[in-house]
């Protein structure tokens, strides 16, 4: 998954028609990447996430953007805590926890905060 290159499409829930499109991130961030072999295995990344996170079964590789227009090569791990869904990002090269996002579902769509 290449989150810095994200393309957003808005789809009407009633008839499925496309009502919005945003490719700004793709146009400003996309380039040919040289993807390295991660130093951590998926299991090692899972092991670095706390035991309180439940239903964590898979770790998938991704690039995530940073505040300083850079990107990090991470494992994305989805799980639940107290009934809420979270995404934990573990750096695939250093093993450091880089980011935690909470999934919020609303009538308008899904937010990650």
N, C-alpha and C. Protein backbone atom coordinates (compact mmCIF):
# COMPACT_ATOMS: atom_id res chain seq x y z
N UNK A 1 0.85 -1.17 0.00
CA UNK A 1 0.00 0.00 0.00
C UNK A 1 0.90 1.23 0.00
N UNK A 2 0.60 2.16 -0.87
CA UNK A 2 1.38 3.40 -0.99
C UNK A 2 0.49 4.57 -0.57
N UNK A 3 0.39 4.81 0.73
CA UNK A 3 -0.49 5.88 1.21
C UNK A 3 -0.11 7.27 0.71
N UNK A 4 1.18 7.60 0.49
CA UNK A 4 1.47 8.92 -0.04
C UNK A 4 0.88 9.16 -1.44
N UNK A 5 0.62 8.09 -2.18
CA UNK A 5 0.07 8.18 -3.53
C UNK A 5 -1.45 8.01 -3.58
N UNK A 6 -2.09 8.15 -2.46
CA UNK A 6 -3.51 7.86 -2.33
C UNK A 6 -4.38 8.67 -3.30
N UNK A 7 -5.29 7.99 -3.96
CA UNK A 7 -6.31 8.62 -4.80
C UNK A 7 -7.64 8.40 -4.11
N UNK A 8 -8.41 9.48 -3.92
CA UNK A 8 -9.69 9.39 -3.23
C UNK A 8 -10.83 9.51 -4.24
N UNK A 9 -11.82 8.64 -4.11
CA UNK A 9 -13.00 8.68 -4.94
C UNK A 9 -14.22 8.67 -4.03
N UNK A 10 -15.12 9.62 -4.23
CA UNK A 10 -16.36 9.67 -3.46
C UNK A 10 -17.47 9.03 -4.29
N UNK A 11 -18.20 8.11 -3.67
CA UNK A 11 -19.26 7.38 -4.35
C UNK A 11 -20.57 7.61 -3.61
N UNK A 12 -21.62 7.96 -4.35
CA UNK A 12 -22.94 8.16 -3.75
C UNK A 12 -23.46 6.83 -3.22
N UNK A 13 -23.96 6.83 -2.00
CA UNK A 13 -24.44 5.59 -1.39
C UNK A 13 -25.77 5.14 -1.97
N UNK A 14 -26.56 6.05 -2.52
CA UNK A 14 -27.87 5.67 -3.02
C UNK A 14 -27.83 5.03 -4.40
N UNK A 15 -26.98 5.54 -5.32
CA UNK A 15 -26.99 4.99 -6.67
C UNK A 15 -25.61 4.53 -7.16
N UNK A 16 -24.57 4.69 -6.34
CA UNK A 16 -23.24 4.21 -6.69
C UNK A 16 -22.49 5.06 -7.69
N UNK A 17 -22.99 6.23 -8.02
CA UNK A 17 -22.32 7.10 -8.98
C UNK A 17 -21.14 7.81 -8.31
N UNK A 18 -20.12 8.07 -9.11
CA UNK A 18 -18.96 8.80 -8.61
C UNK A 18 -19.33 10.28 -8.54
N UNK A 19 -19.16 10.86 -7.34
CA UNK A 19 -19.52 12.26 -7.14
C UNK A 19 -18.31 13.14 -6.79
N UNK A 20 -17.14 12.52 -6.64
CA UNK A 20 -15.94 13.28 -6.33
C UNK A 20 -14.70 12.48 -6.61
N UNK A 21 -13.61 13.18 -6.87
CA UNK A 21 -12.35 12.54 -7.21
C UNK A 21 -11.22 13.47 -6.80
N UNK A 22 -10.20 12.95 -6.12
CA UNK A 22 -9.06 13.76 -5.73
C UNK A 22 -7.78 12.97 -5.96
N UNK A 23 -6.98 13.41 -6.92
CA UNK A 23 -5.72 12.73 -7.21
C UNK A 23 -4.51 13.61 -6.88
N UNK A 24 -4.73 14.64 -6.08
CA UNK A 24 -3.65 15.58 -5.74
C UNK A 24 -2.45 14.87 -5.13
N UNK A 25 -2.69 13.99 -4.17
CA UNK A 25 -1.58 13.29 -3.50
C UNK A 25 -0.78 12.44 -4.49
N UNK A 26 -1.48 11.78 -5.39
CA UNK A 26 -0.79 10.96 -6.39
C UNK A 26 0.07 11.85 -7.30
N UNK A 27 -0.52 12.94 -7.76
CA UNK A 27 0.20 13.82 -8.68
C UNK A 27 1.41 14.49 -8.03
N UNK A 28 1.33 14.76 -6.73
CA UNK A 28 2.44 15.44 -6.05
C UNK A 28 3.44 14.49 -5.40
N UNK A 29 3.05 13.25 -5.14
CA UNK A 29 3.91 12.34 -4.37
C UNK A 29 4.43 11.14 -5.14
N UNK A 30 3.81 10.78 -6.26
CA UNK A 30 4.18 9.55 -6.94
C UNK A 30 5.55 9.66 -7.63
N UNK A 31 6.34 8.65 -7.43
CA UNK A 31 7.61 8.50 -8.14
C UNK A 31 7.98 7.02 -8.12
N UNK A 32 8.91 6.63 -8.95
CA UNK A 32 9.35 5.24 -8.98
C UNK A 32 10.19 4.97 -7.74
N UNK A 33 9.73 4.05 -6.91
CA UNK A 33 10.42 3.74 -5.67
C UNK A 33 11.26 2.47 -5.82
N UNK A 34 12.35 2.46 -5.10
CA UNK A 34 13.17 1.26 -4.98
C UNK A 34 12.81 0.64 -3.63
N UNK A 35 12.02 -0.41 -3.66
CA UNK A 35 11.50 -0.99 -2.42
C UNK A 35 12.50 -2.02 -1.87
N UNK A 36 12.96 -1.77 -0.66
CA UNK A 36 13.94 -2.64 -0.01
C UNK A 36 13.27 -3.84 0.64
N UNK A 37 14.08 -4.82 0.92
CA UNK A 37 13.62 -5.95 1.72
C UNK A 37 13.57 -5.49 3.17
N UNK A 38 12.44 -5.67 3.85
CA UNK A 38 12.36 -5.20 5.24
C UNK A 38 13.31 -5.99 6.15
N UNK A 39 13.81 -5.32 7.18
CA UNK A 39 14.69 -6.00 8.14
C UNK A 39 13.88 -6.83 9.13
N UNK A 40 12.63 -6.43 9.38
CA UNK A 40 11.74 -7.19 10.27
C UNK A 40 10.86 -8.12 9.44
N UNK A 41 10.52 -9.25 10.01
CA UNK A 41 9.52 -10.12 9.39
C UNK A 41 8.13 -9.65 9.83
N UNK A 42 7.08 -10.07 9.13
CA UNK A 42 5.74 -9.71 9.59
C UNK A 42 5.48 -10.15 11.03
N UNK A 43 5.96 -11.32 11.42
CA UNK A 43 5.75 -11.81 12.78
C UNK A 43 6.49 -10.95 13.80
N UNK A 44 7.70 -10.51 13.48
CA UNK A 44 8.45 -9.64 14.39
C UNK A 44 7.71 -8.31 14.59
N UNK A 45 7.09 -7.79 13.52
CA UNK A 45 6.31 -6.56 13.65
C UNK A 45 5.10 -6.79 14.53
N UNK A 46 4.41 -7.91 14.34
CA UNK A 46 3.25 -8.24 15.19
C UNK A 46 3.66 -8.37 16.65
N UNK A 47 4.82 -8.95 16.90
CA UNK A 47 5.30 -9.14 18.27
C UNK A 47 5.60 -7.82 18.98
N UNK A 48 5.85 -6.76 18.22
CA UNK A 48 6.17 -5.45 18.82
C UNK A 48 4.92 -4.68 19.24
N UNK A 49 3.76 -5.14 18.82
CA UNK A 49 2.50 -4.48 19.19
C UNK A 49 2.05 -5.05 20.53
N UNK A 50 1.56 -4.21 21.41
CA UNK A 50 1.16 -4.64 22.74
C UNK A 50 0.09 -5.72 22.74
N UNK A 51 0.06 -6.48 23.81
CA UNK A 51 -0.88 -7.58 23.95
C UNK A 51 -2.33 -7.12 24.14
N UNK A 52 -2.53 -5.84 24.50
CA UNK A 52 -3.89 -5.35 24.71
C UNK A 52 -4.65 -5.18 23.39
N UNK A 53 -3.93 -5.08 22.27
CA UNK A 53 -4.57 -5.00 20.97
C UNK A 53 -5.02 -6.40 20.58
N UNK A 54 -6.32 -6.58 20.36
CA UNK A 54 -6.88 -7.88 20.03
C UNK A 54 -7.12 -8.02 18.53
N UNK A 55 -7.31 -9.24 18.09
CA UNK A 55 -7.64 -9.57 16.69
C UNK A 55 -6.59 -9.09 15.70
N UNK A 56 -5.36 -8.99 16.14
CA UNK A 56 -4.27 -8.62 15.22
C UNK A 56 -3.75 -9.91 14.60
N UNK A 57 -3.96 -10.04 13.31
CA UNK A 57 -3.58 -11.29 12.67
C UNK A 57 -2.56 -11.12 11.55
N UNK A 58 -2.58 -9.96 10.89
CA UNK A 58 -1.69 -9.79 9.75
C UNK A 58 -0.95 -8.46 9.84
N UNK A 59 0.22 -8.46 9.26
CA UNK A 59 1.03 -7.24 9.12
C UNK A 59 1.33 -7.11 7.64
N UNK A 60 0.89 -5.98 7.05
CA UNK A 60 1.17 -5.80 5.63
C UNK A 60 2.08 -4.59 5.44
N UNK A 61 2.95 -4.68 4.46
CA UNK A 61 3.89 -3.60 4.19
C UNK A 61 3.20 -2.42 3.54
N UNK A 62 3.67 -1.22 3.89
CA UNK A 62 3.11 -0.01 3.30
C UNK A 62 4.11 1.13 3.45
N UNK A 63 3.87 2.18 2.70
CA UNK A 63 4.57 3.45 2.89
C UNK A 63 3.57 4.41 3.49
N UNK A 64 3.98 5.14 4.54
CA UNK A 64 3.10 6.15 5.14
C UNK A 64 3.78 7.51 5.03
N UNK A 65 2.99 8.56 4.83
CA UNK A 65 3.58 9.90 4.76
C UNK A 65 3.90 10.42 6.16
N UNK A 66 4.85 11.34 6.22
CA UNK A 66 5.17 12.02 7.47
C UNK A 66 4.78 13.49 7.34
N UNK A 67 4.86 14.21 8.43
CA UNK A 67 4.53 15.63 8.42
C UNK A 67 5.52 16.45 7.59
N UNK A 68 6.70 15.91 7.37
CA UNK A 68 7.76 16.66 6.69
C UNK A 68 7.96 16.22 5.25
N UNK A 69 6.88 15.78 4.60
CA UNK A 69 6.88 15.38 3.19
C UNK A 69 7.87 14.27 2.88
N UNK A 70 8.10 13.43 3.86
CA UNK A 70 8.91 12.23 3.66
C UNK A 70 7.97 11.05 3.81
N UNK A 71 8.50 9.85 3.70
CA UNK A 71 7.67 8.67 3.89
C UNK A 71 8.46 7.61 4.62
N UNK A 72 7.72 6.75 5.31
CA UNK A 72 8.32 5.67 6.09
C UNK A 72 7.81 4.33 5.58
N UNK A 73 8.70 3.37 5.56
CA UNK A 73 8.39 2.00 5.15
C UNK A 73 7.99 1.24 6.41
N UNK A 74 6.74 0.81 6.48
CA UNK A 74 6.20 0.24 7.71
C UNK A 74 5.39 -1.02 7.46
N UNK A 75 5.12 -1.71 8.57
CA UNK A 75 4.10 -2.74 8.60
C UNK A 75 2.84 -2.11 9.19
N UNK A 76 1.71 -2.34 8.55
CA UNK A 76 0.42 -1.87 9.05
C UNK A 76 -0.27 -3.04 9.73
N UNK A 77 -0.63 -2.85 10.99
CA UNK A 77 -1.27 -3.91 11.78
C UNK A 77 -2.60 -3.38 12.27
N UNK A 78 -3.66 -4.08 11.91
CA UNK A 78 -5.01 -3.69 12.34
C UNK A 78 -5.43 -4.56 13.51
N UNK A 79 -6.09 -3.94 14.48
CA UNK A 79 -6.58 -4.68 15.63
C UNK A 79 -7.63 -3.88 16.38
N UNK A 80 -8.17 -4.47 17.43
CA UNK A 80 -9.20 -3.79 18.21
C UNK A 80 -8.76 -3.66 19.67
N UNK A 81 -9.29 -2.58 20.30
CA UNK A 81 -9.07 -2.34 21.71
C UNK A 81 -10.32 -1.65 22.23
N UNK A 82 -10.94 -2.23 23.26
CA UNK A 82 -12.18 -1.69 23.84
C UNK A 82 -13.26 -1.46 22.79
N UNK A 83 -13.34 -2.36 21.82
CA UNK A 83 -14.38 -2.28 20.79
C UNK A 83 -14.08 -1.33 19.64
N UNK A 84 -12.97 -0.61 19.70
CA UNK A 84 -12.59 0.32 18.63
C UNK A 84 -11.50 -0.31 17.77
N UNK A 85 -11.46 0.06 16.49
CA UNK A 85 -10.46 -0.45 15.56
C UNK A 85 -9.30 0.54 15.46
N UNK A 86 -8.08 0.01 15.52
CA UNK A 86 -6.87 0.81 15.43
C UNK A 86 -5.94 0.24 14.36
N UNK A 87 -5.13 1.12 13.80
CA UNK A 87 -4.07 0.73 12.89
C UNK A 87 -2.75 1.18 13.51
N UNK A 88 -1.84 0.24 13.69
CA UNK A 88 -0.54 0.51 14.27
C UNK A 88 0.49 0.36 13.15
N UNK A 89 1.41 1.32 13.07
CA UNK A 89 2.43 1.31 12.04
C UNK A 89 3.80 1.11 12.68
N UNK A 90 4.43 -0.02 12.35
CA UNK A 90 5.74 -0.40 12.87
C UNK A 90 6.75 -0.27 11.73
N UNK A 91 7.81 0.51 11.96
CA UNK A 91 8.84 0.71 10.95
C UNK A 91 9.44 -0.64 10.55
N UNK A 92 9.43 -0.95 9.26
CA UNK A 92 9.89 -2.25 8.76
C UNK A 92 11.40 -2.40 8.83
N UNK A 93 12.11 -1.29 9.01
CA UNK A 93 13.57 -1.34 9.05
C UNK A 93 14.11 -1.26 10.48
N UNK A 94 13.45 -0.46 11.34
CA UNK A 94 13.98 -0.24 12.69
C UNK A 94 13.17 -0.94 13.78
N UNK A 95 11.92 -1.29 13.50
CA UNK A 95 11.07 -1.90 14.51
C UNK A 95 10.39 -0.89 15.42
N UNK A 96 10.61 0.41 15.19
CA UNK A 96 10.01 1.45 16.01
C UNK A 96 8.53 1.63 15.67
N UNK A 97 7.72 1.93 16.69
CA UNK A 97 6.32 2.28 16.46
C UNK A 97 6.30 3.70 15.92
N UNK A 98 5.73 3.88 14.74
CA UNK A 98 5.75 5.19 14.08
C UNK A 98 4.44 5.97 14.24
N UNK A 99 3.31 5.25 14.23
CA UNK A 99 2.03 5.95 14.26
C UNK A 99 0.94 4.99 14.71
N UNK A 100 -0.08 5.56 15.37
CA UNK A 100 -1.30 4.83 15.73
C UNK A 100 -2.48 5.66 15.24
N UNK A 101 -3.37 5.04 14.48
CA UNK A 101 -4.57 5.71 13.99
C UNK A 101 -5.80 4.96 14.46
N UNK A 102 -6.84 5.71 14.82
CA UNK A 102 -8.10 5.13 15.24
C UNK A 102 -9.11 5.28 14.12
N UNK A 103 -9.86 4.22 13.84
CA UNK A 103 -10.87 4.22 12.79
C UNK A 103 -12.20 4.70 13.38
N UNK A 104 -12.79 5.72 12.76
CA UNK A 104 -14.06 6.28 13.20
C UNK A 104 -15.05 6.17 12.04
N UNK A 105 -16.17 5.50 12.25
CA UNK A 105 -17.20 5.38 11.21
C UNK A 105 -18.31 6.39 11.50
N UNK A 106 -18.65 7.20 10.48
CA UNK A 106 -19.72 8.18 10.58
C UNK A 106 -20.66 8.03 9.39
N UNK A 107 -21.76 8.77 9.39
CA UNK A 107 -22.66 8.76 8.24
C UNK A 107 -21.97 9.26 6.97
N UNK A 108 -21.02 10.17 7.14
CA UNK A 108 -20.33 10.76 6.00
C UNK A 108 -19.21 9.88 5.45
N UNK A 109 -18.81 8.88 6.20
CA UNK A 109 -17.74 8.00 5.75
C UNK A 109 -16.87 7.51 6.89
N UNK A 110 -15.69 7.08 6.56
CA UNK A 110 -14.76 6.54 7.53
C UNK A 110 -13.60 7.52 7.70
N UNK A 111 -13.27 7.83 8.93
CA UNK A 111 -12.15 8.71 9.25
C UNK A 111 -11.08 7.95 9.98
N UNK A 112 -9.84 8.38 9.79
CA UNK A 112 -8.71 7.83 10.54
C UNK A 112 -8.09 9.00 11.30
N UNK A 113 -8.11 8.91 12.64
CA UNK A 113 -7.53 10.01 13.43
C UNK A 113 -6.44 9.48 14.36
